[in-house]
């Protein structure tokens, strides 16, 4: 019998399978097929290998496969899949973790599409799993870096704010200290000048009022209140700074 055509078809099929294996391996993408009626799940053997297992070590059953999905993700993955199967979601796509044989965690992007009967009932879901561990690791590192930058920014801002308060209050506090010492020195004399004491004490009171205004103004920066616009005397600000 002439089996040339059959031999060519077999060779073409084998070549196609080789291309498929190379494509999925290079892209870290693997195919699976879930029979919703029987809960049989055919999983690409290469996906099992990616988790450190031989093909025969994981049964092609849903319950056996779910044992290798992270316990915190398994229920969510099933809910998303059933939502798509029952027509509540247009597509099935979710990111989740799987546990490698060595105990490490691998991240996967799972996509699937339901095969439906003419009446709309889903009988199978066929999809792919893509290893996105490196991408998730980069995202986690980026998020940690953002948090650290935000923390450094808050610390820097707080440091600058503290320096600003110290600068603004140092002048009135120094005035209070110097004038208080002067008053004590005069009171220790034989005939202290009441007028001079009165003027110096007034300077102390004015300096204390200025320090209090500085603290109230800075406290107001962190309180919730409607923004109010008003005319400002720039000359007064210049005099205060001086």
C-alpha atoms as a PDB file:
ATOM      1  CA  UNK A   1       0.000   0.000   0.000  1.00  0.00           C
ATOM      2  CA  UNK A   2       1.162   3.548  -0.751  1.00  0.00           C
ATOM      3  CA  UNK A   3       1.342   5.300   2.635  1.00  0.00           C
ATOM      4  CA  UNK A   4       3.222   8.364   1.421  1.00  0.00           C
ATOM      5  CA  UNK A   5       0.413  10.794   2.198  1.00  0.00           C
ATOM      6  CA  UNK A   6      -0.162   9.288   5.623  1.00  0.00           C
ATOM      7  CA  UNK A   7       3.542   9.440   6.377  1.00  0.00           C
ATOM      8  CA  UNK A   8       3.659  13.072   5.276  1.00  0.00           C
ATOM      9  CA  UNK A   9       0.693  13.879   7.509  1.00  0.00           C
ATOM     10  CA  UNK A  10       2.368  12.224  10.510  1.00  0.00           C
ATOM     11  CA  UNK A  11       5.613  14.096   9.826  1.00  0.00           C
ATOM     12  CA  UNK A  12       3.719  17.371   9.495  1.00  0.00           C
ATOM     13  CA  UNK A  13       1.911  16.711  12.804  1.00  0.00           C
ATOM     14  CA  UNK A  14       5.178  15.937  14.577  1.00  0.00           C
ATOM     15  CA  UNK A  15       6.765  19.067  13.166  1.00  0.00           C
ATOM     16  CA  UNK A  16       3.769  21.113  14.286  1.00  0.00           C
ATOM     17  CA  UNK A  17       4.024  19.646  17.793  1.00  0.00           C
ATOM     18  CA  UNK A  18       7.726  20.549  17.897  1.00  0.00           C
ATOM     19  CA  UNK A  19       6.944  24.140  16.885  1.00  0.00           C
ATOM     20  CA  UNK A  20       4.214  24.324  19.533  1.00  0.00           C
ATOM     21  CA  UNK A  21       6.560  22.990  22.224  1.00  0.00           C
ATOM     22  CA  UNK A  22       9.277  25.472  21.260  1.00  0.00           C
ATOM     23  CA  UNK A  23       6.818  28.384  21.158  1.00  0.00           C
ATOM     24  CA  UNK A  24       5.286  27.627  24.541  1.00  0.00           C
ATOM     25  CA  UNK A  25       8.626  26.947  26.184  1.00  0.00           C
ATOM     26  CA  UNK A  26      10.233  30.145  24.913  1.00  0.00           C
ATOM     27  CA  UNK A  27       7.253  32.251  25.925  1.00  0.00           C
ATOM     28  CA  UNK A  28       6.554  30.435  29.214  1.00  0.00           C
ATOM     29  CA  UNK A  29       2.982  29.867  28.017  1.00  0.00           C
ATOM     30  CA  UNK A  30       1.194  26.534  28.502  1.00  0.00           C
ATOM     31  CA  UNK A  31      -2.224  25.231  27.474  1.00  0.00           C
ATOM     32  CA  UNK A  32      -4.873  23.522  29.594  1.00  0.00           C
ATOM     33  CA  UNK A  33      -8.365  22.123  28.913  1.00  0.00           C
ATOM     34  CA  UNK A  34     -11.000  21.809  31.648  1.00  0.00           C
ATOM     35  CA  UNK A  35     -14.045  19.553  31.138  1.00  0.00           C
ATOM     36  CA  UNK A  36     -16.745  21.198  33.268  1.00  0.00           C
ATOM     37  CA  UNK A  37     -18.935  18.088  33.332  1.00  0.00           C
ATOM     38  CA  UNK A  38     -16.313  15.651  34.622  1.00  0.00           C
ATOM     39  CA  UNK A  39     -13.830  18.120  36.198  1.00  0.00           C
ATOM     40  CA  UNK A  40     -11.061  16.441  34.222  1.00  0.00           C
ATOM     41  CA  UNK A  41      -8.316  18.958  33.485  1.00  0.00           C
ATOM     42  CA  UNK A  42      -5.750  18.228  30.807  1.00  0.00           C
ATOM     43  CA  UNK A  43      -2.647  20.261  31.601  1.00  0.00           C
ATOM     44  CA  UNK A  44       0.343  20.700  29.340  1.00  0.00           C
ATOM     45  CA  UNK A  45       3.118  18.489  30.704  1.00  0.00           C
ATOM     46  CA  UNK A  46       5.542  21.393  30.315  1.00  0.00           C
ATOM     47  CA  UNK A  47       3.527  23.388  32.858  1.00  0.00           C
ATOM     48  CA  UNK A  48       3.912  20.559  35.339  1.00  0.00           C
ATOM     49  CA  UNK A  49       7.638  20.517  34.589  1.00  0.00           C
ATOM     50  CA  UNK A  50       7.757  24.265  35.248  1.00  0.00           C
ATOM     51  CA  UNK A  51       6.481  23.511  38.755  1.00  0.00           C
ATOM     52  CA  UNK A  52       9.071  20.768  39.249  1.00  0.00           C
ATOM     53  CA  UNK A  53       6.839  17.742  38.590  1.00  0.00           C
ATOM     54  CA  UNK A  54       6.749  14.995  36.003  1.00  0.00           C
ATOM     55  CA  UNK A  55       3.580  14.613  33.970  1.00  0.00           C
ATOM     56  CA  UNK A  56       2.388  11.487  35.846  1.00  0.00           C
ATOM     57  CA  UNK A  57       2.936  13.073  39.288  1.00  0.00           C
ATOM     58  CA  UNK A  58      -0.075  15.391  38.979  1.00  0.00           C
ATOM     59  CA  UNK A  59      -3.375  13.777  38.021  1.00  0.00           C
ATOM     60  CA  UNK A  60      -5.440  15.450  35.347  1.00  0.00           C
ATOM     61  CA  UNK A  61      -8.191  16.221  37.816  1.00  0.00           C
ATOM     62  CA  UNK A  62      -9.346  19.626  39.037  1.00  0.00           C
ATOM     63  CA  UNK A  63      -8.918  18.796  42.728  1.00  0.00           C
ATOM     64  CA  UNK A  64      -5.395  17.457  42.127  1.00  0.00           C
ATOM     65  CA  UNK A  65      -4.395  20.552  40.176  1.00  0.00           C
ATOM     66  CA  UNK A  66      -5.858  22.980  42.730  1.00  0.00           C
ATOM     67  CA  UNK A  67      -3.538  21.531  45.382  1.00  0.00           C
ATOM     68  CA  UNK A  68      -0.700  23.324  43.597  1.00  0.00           C
ATOM     69  CA  UNK A  69      -2.485  26.692  43.541  1.00  0.00           C
ATOM     70  CA  UNK A  70      -1.730  28.988  46.464  1.00  0.00           C
ATOM     71  CA  UNK A  71      -4.328  28.476  49.187  1.00  0.00           C
ATOM     72  CA  UNK A  72      -5.135  32.210  49.271  1.00  0.00           C
ATOM     73  CA  UNK A  73      -5.805  32.298  45.510  1.00  0.00           C
ATOM     74  CA  UNK A  74      -7.574  28.998  44.752  1.00  0.00           C
ATOM     75  CA  UNK A  75     -11.129  30.079  45.636  1.00  0.00           C
ATOM     76  CA  UNK A  76     -10.795  33.345  43.702  1.00  0.00           C
ATOM     77  CA  UNK A  77      -9.531  31.534  40.590  1.00  0.00           C
ATOM     78  CA  UNK A  78     -12.489  29.133  40.735  1.00  0.00           C
ATOM     79  CA  UNK A  79     -14.990  31.953  41.262  1.00  0.00           C
ATOM     80  CA  UNK A  80     -13.631  33.851  38.243  1.00  0.00           C
ATOM     81  CA  UNK A  81     -13.750  30.703  36.104  1.00  0.00           C
ATOM     82  CA  UNK A  82     -17.324  29.809  37.100  1.00  0.00           C
ATOM     83  CA  UNK A  83     -18.436  33.416  36.573  1.00  0.00           C
ATOM     84  CA  UNK A  84     -17.232  33.177  32.983  1.00  0.00           C
ATOM     85  CA  UNK A  85     -18.711  29.696  32.504  1.00  0.00           C
ATOM     86  CA  UNK A  86     -22.136  30.891  33.710  1.00  0.00           C
ATOM     87  CA  UNK A  87     -22.058  33.952  31.474  1.00  0.00           C
ATOM     88  CA  UNK A  88     -21.578  36.463  34.284  1.00  0.00           C
ATOM     89  CA  UNK A  89     -18.191  37.560  32.918  1.00  0.00           C
ATOM     90  CA  UNK A  90     -17.237  38.071  29.293  1.00  0.00           C
ATOM     91  CA  UNK A  91     -13.802  36.554  29.807  1.00  0.00           C
ATOM     92  CA  UNK A  92     -11.756  34.574  32.277  1.00  0.00           C
ATOM     93  CA  UNK A  93      -8.462  36.209  33.211  1.00  0.00           C
ATOM     94  CA  UNK A  94      -6.753  36.229  36.583  1.00  0.00           C
ATOM     95  CA  UNK A  95      -3.324  36.449  38.167  1.00  0.00           C
ATOM     96  CA  UNK A  96      -2.507  33.960  40.887  1.00  0.00           C
ATOM     97  CA  UNK A  97       0.270  32.041  42.594  1.00  0.00           C
ATOM     98  CA  UNK A  98       1.296  28.416  42.245  1.00  0.00           C
ATOM     99  CA  UNK A  99       3.615  26.523  44.558  1.00  0.00           C
ATOM    100  CA  UNK A 100       6.756  25.002  43.056  1.00  0.00           C
ATOM    101  CA  UNK A 101       7.915  21.608  44.256  1.00  0.00           C
ATOM    102  CA  UNK A 102      10.810  23.257  46.096  1.00  0.00           C
ATOM    103  CA  UNK A 103       8.353  25.433  48.055  1.00  0.00           C
ATOM    104  CA  UNK A 104       8.967  28.645  46.130  1.00  0.00           C
ATOM    105  CA  UNK A 105       6.077  30.712  44.777  1.00  0.00           C
ATOM    106  CA  UNK A 106       5.552  31.303  41.049  1.00  0.00           C
ATOM    107  CA  UNK A 107       3.121  33.858  39.615  1.00  0.00           C
ATOM    108  CA  UNK A 108       0.920  32.972  36.619  1.00  0.00           C
ATOM    109  CA  UNK A 109      -1.480  34.839  34.374  1.00  0.00           C
ATOM    110  CA  UNK A 110      -4.376  32.510  33.543  1.00  0.00           C
ATOM    111  CA  UNK A 111      -6.642  33.206  30.589  1.00  0.00           C
ATOM    112  CA  UNK A 112      -9.506  31.026  29.404  1.00  0.00           C
ATOM    113  CA  UNK A 113     -12.466  30.933  27.064  1.00  0.00           C
ATOM    114  CA  UNK A 114     -15.579  28.776  27.414  1.00  0.00           C
ATOM    115  CA  UNK A 115     -16.718  26.330  24.748  1.00  0.00           C
ATOM    116  CA  UNK A 116     -20.518  26.505  24.681  1.00  0.00           C
ATOM    117  CA  UNK A 117     -23.403  24.467  23.300  1.00  0.00           C
ATOM    118  CA  UNK A 118     -25.963  26.162  21.018  1.00  0.00           C
ATOM    119  CA  UNK A 119     -28.133  26.875  24.074  1.00  0.00           C
ATOM    120  CA  UNK A 120     -25.259  28.795  25.680  1.00  0.00           C
ATOM    121  CA  UNK A 121     -24.279  26.222  28.285  1.00  0.00           C
ATOM    122  CA  UNK A 122     -20.525  25.979  28.811  1.00  0.00           C
ATOM    123  CA  UNK A 123     -19.095  22.472  28.587  1.00  0.00           C
ATOM    124  CA  UNK A 124     -15.368  23.236  28.637  1.00  0.00           C
ATOM    125  CA  UNK A 125     -12.955  26.044  29.304  1.00  0.00           C
ATOM    126  CA  UNK A 126      -9.762  26.081  27.289  1.00  0.00           C
ATOM    127  CA  UNK A 127      -6.996  28.456  28.253  1.00  0.00           C
ATOM    128  CA  UNK A 128      -3.366  29.212  28.885  1.00  0.00           C
ATOM    129  CA  UNK A 129      -1.088  29.809  31.845  1.00  0.00           C
ATOM    130  CA  UNK A 130       1.751  32.299  31.437  1.00  0.00           C
ATOM    131  CA  UNK A 131       4.615  32.515  33.919  1.00  0.00           C
ATOM    132  CA  UNK A 132       4.795  36.177  35.036  1.00  0.00           C
ATOM    133  CA  UNK A 133       6.987  35.658  38.106  1.00  0.00           C
ATOM    134  CA  UNK A 134       9.728  38.013  36.902  1.00  0.00           C
ATOM    135  CA  UNK A 135       7.199  40.725  36.070  1.00  0.00           C
ATOM    136  CA  UNK A 136       5.479  40.422  39.457  1.00  0.00           C
ATOM    137  CA  UNK A 137       8.837  40.480  41.213  1.00  0.00           C
ATOM    138  CA  UNK A 138       9.707  43.693  39.356  1.00  0.00           C
ATOM    139  CA  UNK A 139       6.308  45.184  40.264  1.00  0.00           C
ATOM    140  CA  UNK A 140       6.755  44.281  43.938  1.00  0.00           C
ATOM    141  CA  UNK A 141      10.258  45.768  43.950  1.00  0.00           C
ATOM    142  CA  UNK A 142       8.953  48.918  42.264  1.00  0.00           C
ATOM    143  CA  UNK A 143       6.132  49.237  44.803  1.00  0.00           C
ATOM    144  CA  UNK A 144       8.566  48.781  47.686  1.00  0.00           C
ATOM    145  CA  UNK A 145      10.819  51.435  46.146  1.00  0.00           C
ATOM    146  CA  UNK A 146       7.863  53.811  45.850  1.00  0.00           C
ATOM    147  CA  UNK A 147       6.963  53.278  49.506  1.00  0.00           C
ATOM    148  CA  UNK A 148      10.560  53.885  50.531  1.00  0.00           C
ATOM    149  CA  UNK A 149      10.755  57.060  48.432  1.00  0.00           C
ATOM    150  CA  UNK A 150       7.483  58.254  49.950  1.00  0.00           C
ATOM    151  CA  UNK A 151       8.838  57.561  53.434  1.00  0.00           C
ATOM    152  CA  UNK A 152      12.095  59.412  52.706  1.00  0.00           C
ATOM    153  CA  UNK A 153      10.093  62.293  51.245  1.00  0.00           C
ATOM    154  CA  UNK A 154       7.928  62.486  54.388  1.00  0.00           C
ATOM    155  CA  UNK A 155      10.978  62.392  56.639  1.00  0.00           C
ATOM    156  CA  UNK A 156      12.714  65.075  54.559  1.00  0.00           C
ATOM    157  CA  UNK A 157       9.623  67.281  54.579  1.00  0.00           C
ATOM    158  CA  UNK A 158       9.217  66.823  58.326  1.00  0.00           C
ATOM    159  CA  UNK A 159      12.881  67.684  58.861  1.00  0.00           C
ATOM    160  CA  UNK A 160      12.559  70.830  56.754  1.00  0.00           C
ATOM    161  CA  UNK A 161       9.369  71.783  58.584  1.00  0.00           C
ATOM    162  CA  UNK A 162      11.034  71.296  61.967  1.00  0.00           C
ATOM    163  CA  UNK A 163      14.001  73.408  60.836  1.00  0.00           C
ATOM    164  CA  UNK A 164      11.596  76.114  59.664  1.00  0.00           C
ATOM    165  CA  UNK A 165       9.795  76.198  63.022  1.00  0.00           C
ATOM    166  CA  UNK A 166      13.100  76.282  64.882  1.00  0.00           C
ATOM    167  CA  UNK A 167      14.249  79.196  62.747  1.00  0.00           C
ATOM    168  CA  UNK A 168      11.011  81.150  63.113  1.00  0.00           C
ATOM    169  CA  UNK A 169      10.784  80.698  66.886  1.00  0.00           C
ATOM    170  CA  UNK A 170      14.466  81.150  67.706  1.00  0.00           C
ATOM    171  CA  UNK A 171      14.330  84.963  67.425  1.00  0.00           C
ATOM    172  CA  UNK A 172      11.390  85.589  69.815  1.00  0.00           C
ATOM    173  CA  UNK A 173      12.696  82.958  72.242  1.00  0.00           C
ATOM    174  CA  UNK A 174      16.125  84.576  72.285  1.00  0.00           C
ATOM    175  CA  UNK A 175      14.434  87.924  72.894  1.00  0.00           C
ATOM    176  CA  UNK A 176      12.500  86.457  75.830  1.00  0.00           C
ATOM    177  CA  UNK A 177      15.643  84.876  77.286  1.00  0.00           C
ATOM    178  CA  UNK A 178      17.832  87.994  76.998  1.00  0.00           C
ATOM    179  CA  UNK A 179      15.173  90.334  78.357  1.00  0.00           C
ATOM    180  CA  UNK A 180      14.339  88.004  81.233  1.00  0.00           C
ATOM    181  CA  UNK A 181      18.003  87.874  82.233  1.00  0.00           C
ATOM    182  CA  UNK A 182      18.194  91.669  81.999  1.00  0.00           C
ATOM    183  CA  UNK A 183      15.181  92.017  84.302  1.00  0.00           C
ATOM    184  CA  UNK A 184      16.724  89.640  86.828  1.00  0.00           C
ATOM    185  CA  UNK A 185      19.969  91.595  86.732  1.00  0.00           C
ATOM    186  CA  UNK A 186      18.200  94.927  87.287  1.00  0.00           C
ATOM    187  CA  UNK A 187      16.094  93.488  90.109  1.00  0.00           C
ATOM    188  CA  UNK A 188      19.302  92.450  91.817  1.00  0.00           C
ATOM    189  CA  UNK A 189      20.499  96.050  91.823  1.00  0.00           C
ATOM    190  CA  UNK A 190      19.931  98.674  94.515  1.00  0.00           C
ATOM    191  CA  UNK A 191      17.405 100.856  92.669  1.00  0.00           C
ATOM    192  CA  UNK A 192      15.845  99.079  89.643  1.00  0.00           C
ATOM    193  CA  UNK A 193      14.090 101.310  87.130  1.00  0.00           C
ATOM    194  CA  UNK A 194      10.399 100.435  87.126  1.00  0.00           C
ATOM    195  CA  UNK A 195       9.897 102.048  83.707  1.00  0.00           C
ATOM    196  CA  UNK A 196      12.802 100.089  82.239  1.00  0.00           C
ATOM    197  CA  UNK A 197      11.451  96.862  83.758  1.00  0.00           C
ATOM    198  CA  UNK A 198       7.986  97.616  82.375  1.00  0.00           C
ATOM    199  CA  UNK A 199       9.375  98.190  78.848  1.00  0.00           C
ATOM    200  CA  UNK A 200      11.489  95.061  79.001  1.00  0.00           C
ATOM    201  CA  UNK A 201       8.608  92.941  80.249  1.00  0.00           C
ATOM    202  CA  UNK A 202       6.476  94.308  77.388  1.00  0.00           C
ATOM    203  CA  UNK A 203       9.192  93.181  74.952  1.00  0.00           C
ATOM    204  CA  UNK A 204       9.000  89.731  76.564  1.00  0.00           C
ATOM    205  CA  UNK A 205       5.218  89.660  76.155  1.00  0.00           C
ATOM    206  CA  UNK A 206       5.473  90.769  72.497  1.00  0.00           C
ATOM    207  CA  UNK A 207       8.095  88.109  71.760  1.00  0.00           C
ATOM    208  CA  UNK A 208       5.950  85.423  73.411  1.00  0.00           C
ATOM    209  CA  UNK A 209       2.966  86.552  71.317  1.00  0.00           C
ATOM    210  CA  UNK A 210       5.097  86.353  68.151  1.00  0.00           C
ATOM    211  CA  UNK A 211       6.238  82.802  69.010  1.00  0.00           C
ATOM    212  CA  UNK A 212       2.643  81.789  69.702  1.00  0.00           C
ATOM    213  CA  UNK A 213       1.521  83.178  66.320  1.00  0.00           C
ATOM    214  CA  UNK A 214       4.251  81.178  64.592  1.00  0.00           C
ATOM    215  CA  UNK A 215       3.064  77.942  66.230  1.00  0.00           C
ATOM    216  CA  UNK A 216      -0.608  78.655  65.471  1.00  0.00           C
ATOM    217  CA  UNK A 217       0.180  79.475  61.856  1.00  0.00           C
ATOM    218  CA  UNK A 218       2.125  76.230  61.371  1.00  0.00           C
ATOM    219  CA  UNK A 219      -0.569  74.220  63.183  1.00  0.00           C
ATOM    220  CA  UNK A 220      -3.148  75.674  60.815  1.00  0.00           C
ATOM    221  CA  UNK A 221      -1.276  74.221  57.851  1.00  0.00           C
ATOM    222  CA  UNK A 222      -2.327  70.718  58.948  1.00  0.00           C
ATOM    223  CA  UNK A 223      -5.932  71.406  59.926  1.00  0.00           C
ATOM    224  CA  UNK A 224      -8.938  70.990  57.644  1.00  0.00           C
ATOM    225  CA  UNK A 225     -10.586  74.306  56.891  1.00  0.00           C
ATOM    226  CA  UNK A 226     -11.912  76.164  53.840  1.00  0.00           C
ATOM    227  CA  UNK A 227      -9.321  78.167  51.957  1.00  0.00           C
ATOM    228  CA  UNK A 228      -9.663  81.890  52.619  1.00  0.00           C
ATOM    229  CA  UNK A 229      -8.108  84.585  50.450  1.00  0.00           C
ATOM    230  CA  UNK A 230      -7.226  87.964  51.899  1.00  0.00           C
ATOM    231  CA  UNK A 231      -5.011  90.962  51.214  1.00  0.00           C
ATOM    232  CA  UNK A 232      -1.508  90.669  52.621  1.00  0.00           C
ATOM    233  CA  UNK A 233       0.834  93.446  53.717  1.00  0.00           C
ATOM    234  CA  UNK A 234       4.190  92.362  52.274  1.00  0.00           C
ATOM    235  CA  UNK A 235       5.998  95.145  54.136  1.00  0.00           C
ATOM    236  CA  UNK A 236       4.765  93.717  57.435  1.00  0.00           C
ATOM    237  CA  UNK A 237       6.151  90.281  56.505  1.00  0.00           C
ATOM    238  CA  UNK A 238       9.519  91.810  55.609  1.00  0.00           C
ATOM    239  CA  UNK A 239       9.621  93.623  58.957  1.00  0.00           C
ATOM    240  CA  UNK A 240       8.730  90.405  60.818  1.00  0.00           C
ATOM    241  CA  UNK A 241      11.520  88.504  59.044  1.00  0.00           C
ATOM    242  CA  UNK A 242      13.970  91.263  59.845  1.00  0.00           C
END
